[in-house]
PDB file of N, CA and C in Angstrom:
ATOM      1  N   UNK A   1     -33.692  12.974   2.717  1.00  0.00           N
ATOM      2  CA  UNK A   1     -32.579  12.078   2.980  1.00  0.00           C
ATOM      3  C   UNK A   1     -31.546  12.237   1.864  1.00  0.00           C
ATOM      4  N   UNK A   2     -30.276  12.499   2.214  1.00  0.00           N
ATOM      5  CA  UNK A   2     -29.255  12.673   1.182  1.00  0.00           C
ATOM      6  C   UNK A   2     -28.998  11.372   0.432  1.00  0.00           C
ATOM      7  N   UNK A   3     -28.731  11.510  -0.854  1.00  0.00           N
ATOM      8  CA  UNK A   3     -28.427  10.366  -1.708  1.00  0.00           C
ATOM      9  C   UNK A   3     -26.923  10.086  -1.660  1.00  0.00           C
ATOM     10  N   UNK A   4     -26.549   8.821  -1.653  1.00  0.00           N
ATOM     11  CA  UNK A   4     -25.115   8.521  -1.688  1.00  0.00           C
ATOM     12  C   UNK A   4     -24.499   9.030  -2.988  1.00  0.00           C
ATOM     13  N   UNK A   5     -23.290   9.518  -2.882  1.00  0.00           N
ATOM     14  CA  UNK A   5     -22.589  10.043  -4.035  1.00  0.00           C
ATOM     15  C   UNK A   5     -21.934   8.893  -4.791  1.00  0.00           C
ATOM     16  N   UNK A   6     -22.433   8.619  -5.979  1.00  0.00           N
ATOM     17  CA  UNK A   6     -21.917   7.506  -6.778  1.00  0.00           C
ATOM     18  C   UNK A   6     -20.510   7.788  -7.305  1.00  0.00           C
ATOM     19  N   UNK A   7     -20.046   9.034  -7.223  1.00  0.00           N
ATOM     20  CA  UNK A   7     -18.737   9.414  -7.748  1.00  0.00           C
ATOM     21  C   UNK A   7     -17.604   9.212  -6.745  1.00  0.00           C
ATOM     22  N   UNK A   8     -17.922   8.881  -5.506  1.00  0.00           N
ATOM     23  CA  UNK A   8     -16.885   8.685  -4.503  1.00  0.00           C
ATOM     24  C   UNK A   8     -16.130   7.398  -4.825  1.00  0.00           C
ATOM     25  N   UNK A   9     -14.811   7.531  -4.925  1.00  0.00           N
ATOM     26  CA  UNK A   9     -13.981   6.364  -5.203  1.00  0.00           C
ATOM     27  C   UNK A   9     -13.280   5.957  -3.923  1.00  0.00           C
ATOM     28  N   UNK A  10     -13.403   4.706  -3.580  1.00  0.00           N
ATOM     29  CA  UNK A  10     -12.763   4.188  -2.380  1.00  0.00           C
ATOM     30  C   UNK A  10     -11.348   3.743  -2.752  1.00  0.00           C
ATOM     31  N   UNK A  11     -10.339   4.273  -2.057  1.00  0.00           N
ATOM     32  CA  UNK A  11      -8.961   3.870  -2.353  1.00  0.00           C
ATOM     33  C   UNK A  11      -8.759   2.364  -2.181  1.00  0.00           C
ATOM     34  N   UNK A  12      -7.992   1.793  -3.093  1.00  0.00           N
ATOM     35  CA  UNK A  12      -7.710   0.362  -3.057  1.00  0.00           C
ATOM     36  C   UNK A  12      -6.214   0.128  -3.250  1.00  0.00           C
ATOM     37  N   UNK A  13      -5.756  -1.018  -2.777  1.00  0.00           N
ATOM     38  CA  UNK A  13      -4.360  -1.398  -2.998  1.00  0.00           C
ATOM     39  C   UNK A  13      -4.262  -2.192  -4.292  1.00  0.00           C
ATOM     40  N   UNK A  14      -3.120  -2.083  -4.937  1.00  0.00           N
ATOM     41  CA  UNK A  14      -2.843  -2.824  -6.154  1.00  0.00           C
ATOM     42  C   UNK A  14      -2.728  -4.310  -5.816  1.00  0.00           C
ATOM     43  N   UNK A  15      -2.672  -5.147  -6.828  1.00  0.00           N
ATOM     44  CA  UNK A  15      -2.526  -6.582  -6.569  1.00  0.00           C
ATOM     45  C   UNK A  15      -1.080  -7.059  -6.691  1.00  0.00           C
ATOM     46  N   UNK A  16      -0.136  -6.096  -6.813  1.00  0.00           N
ATOM     47  CA  UNK A  16       1.281  -6.448  -6.866  1.00  0.00           C
ATOM     48  C   UNK A  16       2.094  -5.577  -5.907  1.00  0.00           C
ATOM     49  N   UNK A  17       3.254  -6.092  -5.555  1.00  0.00           N
ATOM     50  CA  UNK A  17       4.233  -5.341  -4.762  1.00  0.00           C
ATOM     51  C   UNK A  17       5.522  -5.281  -5.564  1.00  0.00           C
ATOM     52  N   UNK A  18       6.223  -4.165  -5.468  1.00  0.00           N
ATOM     53  CA  UNK A  18       7.535  -4.008  -6.109  1.00  0.00           C
ATOM     54  C   UNK A  18       8.589  -3.879  -5.017  1.00  0.00           C
ATOM     55  N   UNK A  19       9.721  -4.511  -5.232  1.00  0.00           N
ATOM     56  CA  UNK A  19      10.831  -4.413  -4.286  1.00  0.00           C
ATOM     57  C   UNK A  19      11.657  -3.185  -4.616  1.00  0.00           C
ATOM     58  N   UNK A  20      11.826  -2.285  -3.650  1.00  0.00           N
ATOM     59  CA  UNK A  20      12.679  -1.108  -3.797  1.00  0.00           C
ATOM     60  C   UNK A  20      13.992  -1.428  -3.098  1.00  0.00           C
ATOM     61  N   UNK A  21      14.957  -1.820  -3.900  1.00  0.00           N
ATOM     62  CA  UNK A  21      16.237  -2.261  -3.355  1.00  0.00           C
ATOM     63  C   UNK A  21      16.973  -1.141  -2.628  1.00  0.00           C
ATOM     64  N   UNK A  22      16.886   0.087  -3.144  1.00  0.00           N
ATOM     65  CA  UNK A  22      17.578   1.225  -2.526  1.00  0.00           C
ATOM     66  C   UNK A  22      17.054   1.509  -1.128  1.00  0.00           C
ATOM     67  N   UNK A  23      15.742   1.477  -0.960  1.00  0.00           N
ATOM     68  CA  UNK A  23      15.130   1.799   0.323  1.00  0.00           C
ATOM     69  C   UNK A  23      14.925   0.567   1.212  1.00  0.00           C
ATOM     70  N   UNK A  24      14.990  -0.612   0.625  1.00  0.00           N
ATOM     71  CA  UNK A  24      14.811  -1.839   1.400  1.00  0.00           C
ATOM     72  C   UNK A  24      13.375  -2.069   1.830  1.00  0.00           C
ATOM     73  N   UNK A  25      12.433  -1.695   0.954  1.00  0.00           N
ATOM     74  CA  UNK A  25      11.010  -1.852   1.267  1.00  0.00           C
ATOM     75  C   UNK A  25      10.258  -2.385   0.054  1.00  0.00           C
ATOM     76  N   UNK A  26       9.112  -2.973   0.331  1.00  0.00           N
ATOM     77  CA  UNK A  26       8.181  -3.308  -0.734  1.00  0.00           C
ATOM     78  C   UNK A  26       7.258  -2.113  -0.916  1.00  0.00           C
ATOM     79  N   UNK A  27       6.903  -1.819  -2.158  1.00  0.00           N
ATOM     80  CA  UNK A  27       5.945  -0.746  -2.443  1.00  0.00           C
ATOM     81  C   UNK A  27       4.721  -1.356  -3.091  1.00  0.00           C
ATOM     82  N   UNK A  28       3.562  -0.974  -2.567  1.00  0.00           N
ATOM     83  CA  UNK A  28       2.281  -1.411  -3.115  1.00  0.00           C
ATOM     84  C   UNK A  28       1.512  -0.158  -3.509  1.00  0.00           C
ATOM     85  N   UNK A  29       1.244   0.037  -4.797  1.00  0.00           N
ATOM     86  CA  UNK A  29       0.500   1.223  -5.223  1.00  0.00           C
ATOM     87  C   UNK A  29      -0.894   1.288  -4.593  1.00  0.00           C
ATOM     88  N   UNK A  30      -1.316   2.506  -4.305  1.00  0.00           N
ATOM     89  CA  UNK A  30      -2.670   2.771  -3.809  1.00  0.00           C
ATOM     90  C   UNK A  30      -3.397   3.507  -4.920  1.00  0.00           C
ATOM     91  N   UNK A  31      -4.542   3.005  -5.315  1.00  0.00           N
ATOM     92  CA  UNK A  31      -5.337   3.608  -6.381  1.00  0.00           C
ATOM     93  C   UNK A  31      -6.538   4.337  -5.789  1.00  0.00           C
ATOM     94  N   UNK A  32      -6.892   5.471  -6.389  1.00  0.00           N
ATOM     95  CA  UNK A  32      -8.105   6.181  -6.001  1.00  0.00           C
ATOM     96  C   UNK A  32      -7.958   7.108  -4.821  1.00  0.00           C
ATOM     97  N   UNK A  33      -6.737   7.443  -4.440  1.00  0.00           N
ATOM     98  CA  UNK A  33      -6.516   8.379  -3.336  1.00  0.00           C
ATOM     99  C   UNK A  33      -5.858   9.638  -3.876  1.00  0.00           C
ATOM    100  N   UNK A  34      -6.443  10.777  -3.561  1.00  0.00           N
ATOM    101  CA  UNK A  34      -5.840  12.036  -3.988  1.00  0.00           C
ATOM    102  C   UNK A  34      -4.634  12.388  -3.125  1.00  0.00           C
ATOM    103  N   UNK A  35      -4.498  11.761  -1.983  1.00  0.00           N
ATOM    104  CA  UNK A  35      -3.410  12.053  -1.056  1.00  0.00           C
ATOM    105  C   UNK A  35      -2.278  11.043  -1.129  1.00  0.00           C
ATOM    106  N   UNK A  36      -2.609   9.759  -1.127  1.00  0.00           N
ATOM    107  CA  UNK A  36      -1.584   8.724  -1.009  1.00  0.00           C
ATOM    108  C   UNK A  36      -1.374   7.972  -2.313  1.00  0.00           C
ATOM    109  N   UNK A  37      -0.103   7.687  -2.613  1.00  0.00           N
ATOM    110  CA  UNK A  37       0.267   7.002  -3.852  1.00  0.00           C
ATOM    111  C   UNK A  37       0.606   5.537  -3.632  1.00  0.00           C
ATOM    112  N   UNK A  38       1.168   5.217  -2.465  1.00  0.00           N
ATOM    113  CA  UNK A  38       1.562   3.832  -2.229  1.00  0.00           C
ATOM    114  C   UNK A  38       1.760   3.556  -0.752  1.00  0.00           C
ATOM    115  N   UNK A  39       1.907   2.265  -0.468  1.00  0.00           N
ATOM    116  CA  UNK A  39       2.295   1.804   0.863  1.00  0.00           C
ATOM    117  C   UNK A  39       3.749   1.376   0.778  1.00  0.00           C
ATOM    118  N   UNK A  40       4.514   1.688   1.796  1.00  0.00           N
ATOM    119  CA  UNK A  40       5.870   1.175   1.931  1.00  0.00           C
ATOM    120  C   UNK A  40       5.840   0.153   3.059  1.00  0.00           C
ATOM    121  N   UNK A  41       6.302  -1.049   2.756  1.00  0.00           N
ATOM    122  CA  UNK A  41       6.230  -2.148   3.725  1.00  0.00           C
ATOM    123  C   UNK A  41       7.637  -2.689   3.965  1.00  0.00           C
ATOM    124  N   UNK A  42       8.084  -2.597   5.188  1.00  0.00           N
ATOM    125  CA  UNK A  42       9.385  -3.172   5.542  1.00  0.00           C
ATOM    126  C   UNK A  42       9.281  -4.695   5.545  1.00  0.00           C
ATOM    127  N   UNK A  43      10.360  -5.374   5.193  1.00  0.00           N
ATOM    128  CA  UNK A  43      10.335  -6.844   5.208  1.00  0.00           C
ATOM    129  C   UNK A  43      10.054  -7.429   6.593  1.00  0.00           C
ATOM    130  N   UNK A  44      10.220  -6.610   7.650  1.00  0.00           N
ATOM    131  CA  UNK A  44       9.981  -7.066   9.018  1.00  0.00           C
ATOM    132  C   UNK A  44       8.531  -6.887   9.464  1.00  0.00           C
ATOM    133  N   UNK A  45       7.679  -6.370   8.589  1.00  0.00           N
ATOM    134  CA  UNK A  45       6.265  -6.180   8.939  1.00  0.00           C
ATOM    135  C   UNK A  45       5.645  -7.530   9.311  1.00  0.00           C
ATOM    136  N   UNK A  46       4.732  -7.526  10.289  1.00  0.00           N
ATOM    137  CA  UNK A  46       4.126  -8.778  10.723  1.00  0.00           C
ATOM    138  C   UNK A  46       3.065  -9.279   9.738  1.00  0.00           C
ATOM    139  N   UNK A  47       3.508  -9.563   8.530  1.00  0.00           N
ATOM    140  CA  UNK A  47       2.647 -10.053   7.458  1.00  0.00           C
ATOM    141  C   UNK A  47       3.322 -11.234   6.785  1.00  0.00           C
ATOM    142  N   UNK A  48       2.552 -11.984   6.015  1.00  0.00           N
ATOM    143  CA  UNK A  48       3.122 -13.092   5.241  1.00  0.00           C
ATOM    144  C   UNK A  48       3.716 -12.529   3.955  1.00  0.00           C
ATOM    145  N   UNK A  49       5.024 -12.258   3.985  1.00  0.00           N
ATOM    146  CA  UNK A  49       5.715 -11.625   2.862  1.00  0.00           C
ATOM    147  C   UNK A  49       6.727 -12.539   2.189  1.00  0.00           C
ATOM    148  N   UNK A  50       6.896 -13.743   2.673  1.00  0.00           N
ATOM    149  CA  UNK A  50       7.967 -14.624   2.190  1.00  0.00           C
ATOM    150  C   UNK A  50       7.882 -14.894   0.688  1.00  0.00           C
ATOM    151  N   UNK A  51       6.697 -14.822   0.119  1.00  0.00           N
ATOM    152  CA  UNK A  51       6.547 -15.114  -1.309  1.00  0.00           C
ATOM    153  C   UNK A  51       6.894 -13.916  -2.197  1.00  0.00           C
ATOM    154  N   UNK A  52       7.095 -12.731  -1.617  1.00  0.00           N
ATOM    155  CA  UNK A  52       7.426 -11.546  -2.407  1.00  0.00           C
ATOM    156  C   UNK A  52       8.895 -11.573  -2.800  1.00  0.00           C
ATOM    157  N   UNK A  53       9.176 -11.232  -4.038  1.00  0.00           N
ATOM    158  CA  UNK A  53      10.508 -11.365  -4.629  1.00  0.00           C
ATOM    159  C   UNK A  53      11.385 -10.158  -4.338  1.00  0.00           C
ATOM    160  N   UNK A  54      12.566 -10.403  -3.775  1.00  0.00           N
ATOM    161  CA  UNK A  54      13.545  -9.348  -3.501  1.00  0.00           C
ATOM    162  C   UNK A  54      14.810  -9.529  -4.329  1.00  0.00           C
ATOM    163  N   UNK A  55      14.740 -10.306  -5.404  1.00  0.00           N
ATOM    164  CA  UNK A  55      15.947 -10.604  -6.183  1.00  0.00           C
ATOM    165  C   UNK A  55      16.350  -9.494  -7.139  1.00  0.00           C
ATOM    166  N   UNK A  56      15.437  -8.569  -7.463  1.00  0.00           N
ATOM    167  CA  UNK A  56      15.767  -7.505  -8.410  1.00  0.00           C
ATOM    168  C   UNK A  56      14.993  -6.239  -8.062  1.00  0.00           C
ATOM    169  N   UNK A  57      15.652  -5.088  -8.263  1.00  0.00           N
ATOM    170  CA  UNK A  57      15.018  -3.798  -8.012  1.00  0.00           C
ATOM    171  C   UNK A  57      13.789  -3.629  -8.916  1.00  0.00           C
ATOM    172  N   UNK A  58      12.709  -3.179  -8.348  1.00  0.00           N
ATOM    173  CA  UNK A  58      11.431  -2.927  -9.034  1.00  0.00           C
ATOM    174  C   UNK A  58      10.763  -4.186  -9.578  1.00  0.00           C
ATOM    175  N   UNK A  59      11.200  -5.343  -9.134  1.00  0.00           N
ATOM    176  CA  UNK A  59      10.560  -6.593  -9.560  1.00  0.00           C
ATOM    177  C   UNK A  59       9.166  -6.665  -8.936  1.00  0.00           C
ATOM    178  N   UNK A  60       8.153  -6.875  -9.780  1.00  0.00           N
ATOM    179  CA  UNK A  60       6.777  -6.964  -9.298  1.00  0.00           C
ATOM    180  C   UNK A  60       6.425  -8.407  -8.975  1.00  0.00           C
ATOM    181  N   UNK A  61       5.743  -8.572  -7.854  1.00  0.00           N
ATOM    182  CA  UNK A  61       5.292  -9.876  -7.416  1.00  0.00           C
ATOM    183  C   UNK A  61       3.814  -9.773  -7.038  1.00  0.00           C
ATOM    184  N   UNK A  62       2.985 -10.711  -7.453  1.00  0.00           N
ATOM    185  CA  UNK A  62       1.580 -10.704  -7.027  1.00  0.00           C
ATOM    186  C   UNK A  62       1.480 -10.832  -5.496  1.00  0.00           C
ATOM    187  N   UNK A  63       0.577 -10.051  -4.909  1.00  0.00           N
ATOM    188  CA  UNK A  63       0.395 -10.105  -3.465  1.00  0.00           C
ATOM    189  C   UNK A  63      -0.262 -11.399  -3.016  1.00  0.00           C
ATOM    190  N   UNK A  64      -1.194 -11.890  -3.807  1.00  0.00           N
ATOM    191  CA  UNK A  64      -2.017 -13.017  -3.378  1.00  0.00           C
ATOM    192  C   UNK A  64      -3.260 -12.477  -2.687  1.00  0.00           C
ATOM    193  N   UNK A  65      -4.306 -13.255  -2.687  1.00  0.00           N
ATOM    194  CA  UNK A  65      -5.599 -12.805  -2.163  1.00  0.00           C
ATOM    195  C   UNK A  65      -5.559 -12.437  -0.682  1.00  0.00           C
ATOM    196  N   UNK A  66      -4.913 -13.276   0.129  1.00  0.00           N
ATOM    197  CA  UNK A  66      -4.910 -13.048   1.577  1.00  0.00           C
ATOM    198  C   UNK A  66      -4.155 -11.776   1.956  1.00  0.00           C
ATOM    199  N   UNK A  67      -2.956 -11.593   1.393  1.00  0.00           N
ATOM    200  CA  UNK A  67      -2.169 -10.405   1.714  1.00  0.00           C
ATOM    201  C   UNK A  67      -2.850  -9.147   1.181  1.00  0.00           C
ATOM    202  N   UNK A  68      -3.391  -9.216  -0.015  1.00  0.00           N
ATOM    203  CA  UNK A  68      -4.081  -8.050  -0.584  1.00  0.00           C
ATOM    204  C   UNK A  68      -5.279  -7.664   0.283  1.00  0.00           C
ATOM    205  N   UNK A  69      -6.056  -8.642   0.723  1.00  0.00           N
ATOM    206  CA  UNK A  69      -7.211  -8.363   1.578  1.00  0.00           C
ATOM    207  C   UNK A  69      -6.774  -7.730   2.898  1.00  0.00           C
ATOM    208  N   UNK A  70      -5.696  -8.236   3.476  1.00  0.00           N
ATOM    209  CA  UNK A  70      -5.190  -7.674   4.737  1.00  0.00           C
ATOM    210  C   UNK A  70      -4.728  -6.234   4.554  1.00  0.00           C
ATOM    211  N   UNK A  71      -4.000  -5.970   3.451  1.00  0.00           N
ATOM    212  CA  UNK A  71      -3.538  -4.604   3.192  1.00  0.00           C
ATOM    213  C   UNK A  71      -4.705  -3.666   2.912  1.00  0.00           C
ATOM    214  N   UNK A  72      -5.732  -4.166   2.256  1.00  0.00           N
ATOM    215  CA  UNK A  72      -6.913  -3.347   1.980  1.00  0.00           C
ATOM    216  C   UNK A  72      -7.594  -2.936   3.284  1.00  0.00           C
ATOM    217  N   UNK A  73      -7.694  -3.865   4.219  1.00  0.00           N
ATOM    218  CA  UNK A  73      -8.278  -3.550   5.528  1.00  0.00           C
ATOM    219  C   UNK A  73      -7.413  -2.538   6.257  1.00  0.00           C
ATOM    220  N   UNK A  74      -6.107  -2.752   6.268  1.00  0.00           N
ATOM    221  CA  UNK A  74      -5.189  -1.822   6.944  1.00  0.00           C
ATOM    222  C   UNK A  74      -5.271  -0.425   6.327  1.00  0.00           C
ATOM    223  N   UNK A  75      -5.379  -0.351   5.002  1.00  0.00           N
ATOM    224  CA  UNK A  75      -5.519   0.934   4.320  1.00  0.00           C
ATOM    225  C   UNK A  75      -6.798   1.638   4.761  1.00  0.00           C
ATOM    226  N   UNK A  76      -7.905   0.932   4.779  1.00  0.00           N
ATOM    227  CA  UNK A  76      -9.186   1.523   5.166  1.00  0.00           C
ATOM    228  C   UNK A  76      -9.144   2.057   6.594  1.00  0.00           C
ATOM    229  N   UNK A  77      -8.549   1.305   7.492  1.00  0.00           N
ATOM    230  CA  UNK A  77      -8.447   1.727   8.894  1.00  0.00           C
ATOM    231  C   UNK A  77      -7.579   2.977   9.015  1.00  0.00           C
ATOM    232  N   UNK A  78      -6.444   3.003   8.319  1.00  0.00           N
ATOM    233  CA  UNK A  78      -5.551   4.169   8.371  1.00  0.00           C
ATOM    234  C   UNK A  78      -6.239   5.407   7.813  1.00  0.00           C
ATOM    235  N   UNK A  79      -6.954   5.258   6.700  1.00  0.00           N
ATOM    236  CA  UNK A  79      -7.642   6.402   6.104  1.00  0.00           C
ATOM    237  C   UNK A  79      -8.767   6.899   7.004  1.00  0.00           C
ATOM    238  N   UNK A  80      -9.449   5.983   7.670  1.00  0.00           N
ATOM    239  CA  UNK A  80     -10.535   6.371   8.559  1.00  0.00           C
ATOM    240  C   UNK A  80     -10.031   7.199   9.734  1.00  0.00           C
ATOM    241  N   UNK A  81      -8.857   6.859  10.228  1.00  0.00           N
ATOM    242  CA  UNK A  81      -8.311   7.615  11.367  1.00  0.00           C
ATOM    243  C   UNK A  81      -7.397   8.761  10.916  1.00  0.00           C
ATOM    244  N   UNK A  82      -7.315   8.979   9.596  1.00  0.00           N
ATOM    245  CA  UNK A  82      -6.527  10.065   9.007  1.00  0.00           C
ATOM    246  C   UNK A  82      -5.051   9.948   9.382  1.00  0.00           C
ATOM    247  N   UNK A  83      -4.548   8.722   9.373  1.00  0.00           N
ATOM    248  CA  UNK A  83      -3.158   8.484   9.741  1.00  0.00           C
ATOM    249  C   UNK A  83      -2.325   8.041   8.560  1.00  0.00           C
ATOM    250  N   UNK A  84      -1.015   8.229   8.671  1.00  0.00           N
ATOM    251  CA  UNK A  84      -0.087   7.754   7.641  1.00  0.00           C
ATOM    252  C   UNK A  84       0.514   6.416   8.034  1.00  0.00           C
ATOM    253  N   UNK A  85       0.559   6.156   9.347  1.00  0.00           N
ATOM    254  CA  UNK A  85       1.062   4.858   9.817  1.00  0.00           C
ATOM    255  C   UNK A  85      -0.072   3.855   9.663  1.00  0.00           C
ATOM    256  N   UNK A  86       0.161   2.863   8.817  1.00  0.00           N
ATOM    257  CA  UNK A  86      -0.886   1.872   8.561  1.00  0.00           C
ATOM    258  C   UNK A  86      -0.874   0.824   9.662  1.00  0.00           C
ATOM    259  N   UNK A  87       0.255   0.239   9.898  1.00  0.00           N
ATOM    260  CA  UNK A  87       0.442  -0.782  10.930  1.00  0.00           C
ATOM    261  C   UNK A  87       1.942  -0.853  11.195  1.00  0.00           C
ATOM    262  N   UNK A  88       2.353  -1.775  12.048  1.00  0.00           N
ATOM    263  CA  UNK A  88       3.772  -1.927  12.341  1.00  0.00           C
ATOM    264  C   UNK A  88       4.555  -2.155  11.053  1.00  0.00           C
ATOM    265  N   UNK A  89       5.527  -1.290  10.794  1.00  0.00           N
ATOM    266  CA  UNK A  89       6.419  -1.383   9.626  1.00  0.00           C
ATOM    267  C   UNK A  89       5.722  -1.173   8.286  1.00  0.00           C
ATOM    268  N   UNK A  90       4.573  -0.505   8.296  1.00  0.00           N
ATOM    269  CA  UNK A  90       3.853  -0.171   7.059  1.00  0.00           C
ATOM    270  C   UNK A  90       3.430   1.290   7.143  1.00  0.00           C
ATOM    271  N   UNK A  91       3.761   2.074   6.106  1.00  0.00           N
ATOM    272  CA  UNK A  91       3.406   3.491   6.104  1.00  0.00           C
ATOM    273  C   UNK A  91       2.874   3.878   4.729  1.00  0.00           C
ATOM    274  N   UNK A  92       1.990   4.868   4.728  1.00  0.00           N
ATOM    275  CA  UNK A  92       1.470   5.411   3.474  1.00  0.00           C
ATOM    276  C   UNK A  92       2.376   6.534   2.993  1.00  0.00           C
ATOM    277  N   UNK A  93       2.661   6.550   1.700  1.00  0.00           N
ATOM    278  CA  UNK A  93       3.479   7.600   1.095  1.00  0.00           C
ATOM    279  C   UNK A  93       2.613   8.466   0.202  1.00  0.00           C
ATOM    280  N   UNK A  94       2.800   9.774   0.304  1.00  0.00           N
ATOM    281  CA  UNK A  94       2.042  10.701  -0.521  1.00  0.00           C
ATOM    282  C   UNK A  94       2.572  10.700  -1.957  1.00  0.00           C
ATOM    283  N   UNK A  95       1.823  11.328  -2.849  1.00  0.00           N
ATOM    284  CA  UNK A  95       2.269  11.465  -4.237  1.00  0.00           C
ATOM    285  C   UNK A  95       3.583  12.252  -4.291  1.00  0.00           C
ATOM    286  N   UNK A  96       3.702  13.310  -3.495  1.00  0.00           N
ATOM    287  CA  UNK A  96       4.936  14.117  -3.476  1.00  0.00           C
ATOM    288  C   UNK A  96       6.120  13.297  -2.982  1.00  0.00           C
ATOM    289  N   UNK A  97       5.920  12.483  -1.968  1.00  0.00           N
ATOM    290  CA  UNK A  97       7.012  11.647  -1.458  1.00  0.00           C
ATOM    291  C   UNK A  97       7.460  10.641  -2.516  1.00  0.00           C
ATOM    292  N   UNK A  98       6.521  10.092  -3.251  1.00  0.00           N
ATOM    293  CA  UNK A  98       6.879   9.129  -4.294  1.00  0.00           C
ATOM    294  C   UNK A  98       7.667   9.791  -5.418  1.00  0.00           C
ATOM    295  N   UNK A  99       7.295  11.017  -5.778  1.00  0.00           N
ATOM    296  CA  UNK A  99       8.036  11.731  -6.822  1.00  0.00           C
ATOM    297  C   UNK A  99       9.452  12.049  -6.391  1.00  0.00           C
ATOM    298  N   UNK A 100       9.642  12.239  -5.086  1.00  0.00           N
ATOM    299  CA  UNK A 100      10.964  12.586  -4.562  1.00  0.00           C
ATOM    300  C   UNK A 100      11.908  11.388  -4.493  1.00  0.00           C
ATOM    301  N   UNK A 101      11.373  10.188  -4.593  1.00  0.00           N
ATOM    302  CA  UNK A 101      12.220   8.985  -4.475  1.00  0.00           C
ATOM    303  C   UNK A 101      12.974   8.696  -5.748  1.00  0.00           C
TER     304      UNK A 101
END
């Protein structure tokens, strides 16, 4: 019976979101993924985003437990199906895409 690999890191979402004023999206860093660097979330996404701050470019706001848990589930589902579209108005950005911004 194969042993589970203790070195496998499961990608996780950060506990903060940053407002990208130029692109008009919130960015949430993704940790532990060799492919994806962050999530881009439009303000119109069907999530509870009202508490996230849009008053200044790159302003970080805590996600809160409920939103972070929801994004973590959405991330896991997207990675399982090998997709970049996480949910309505939420997309995963690669490391190369983030460097290009």
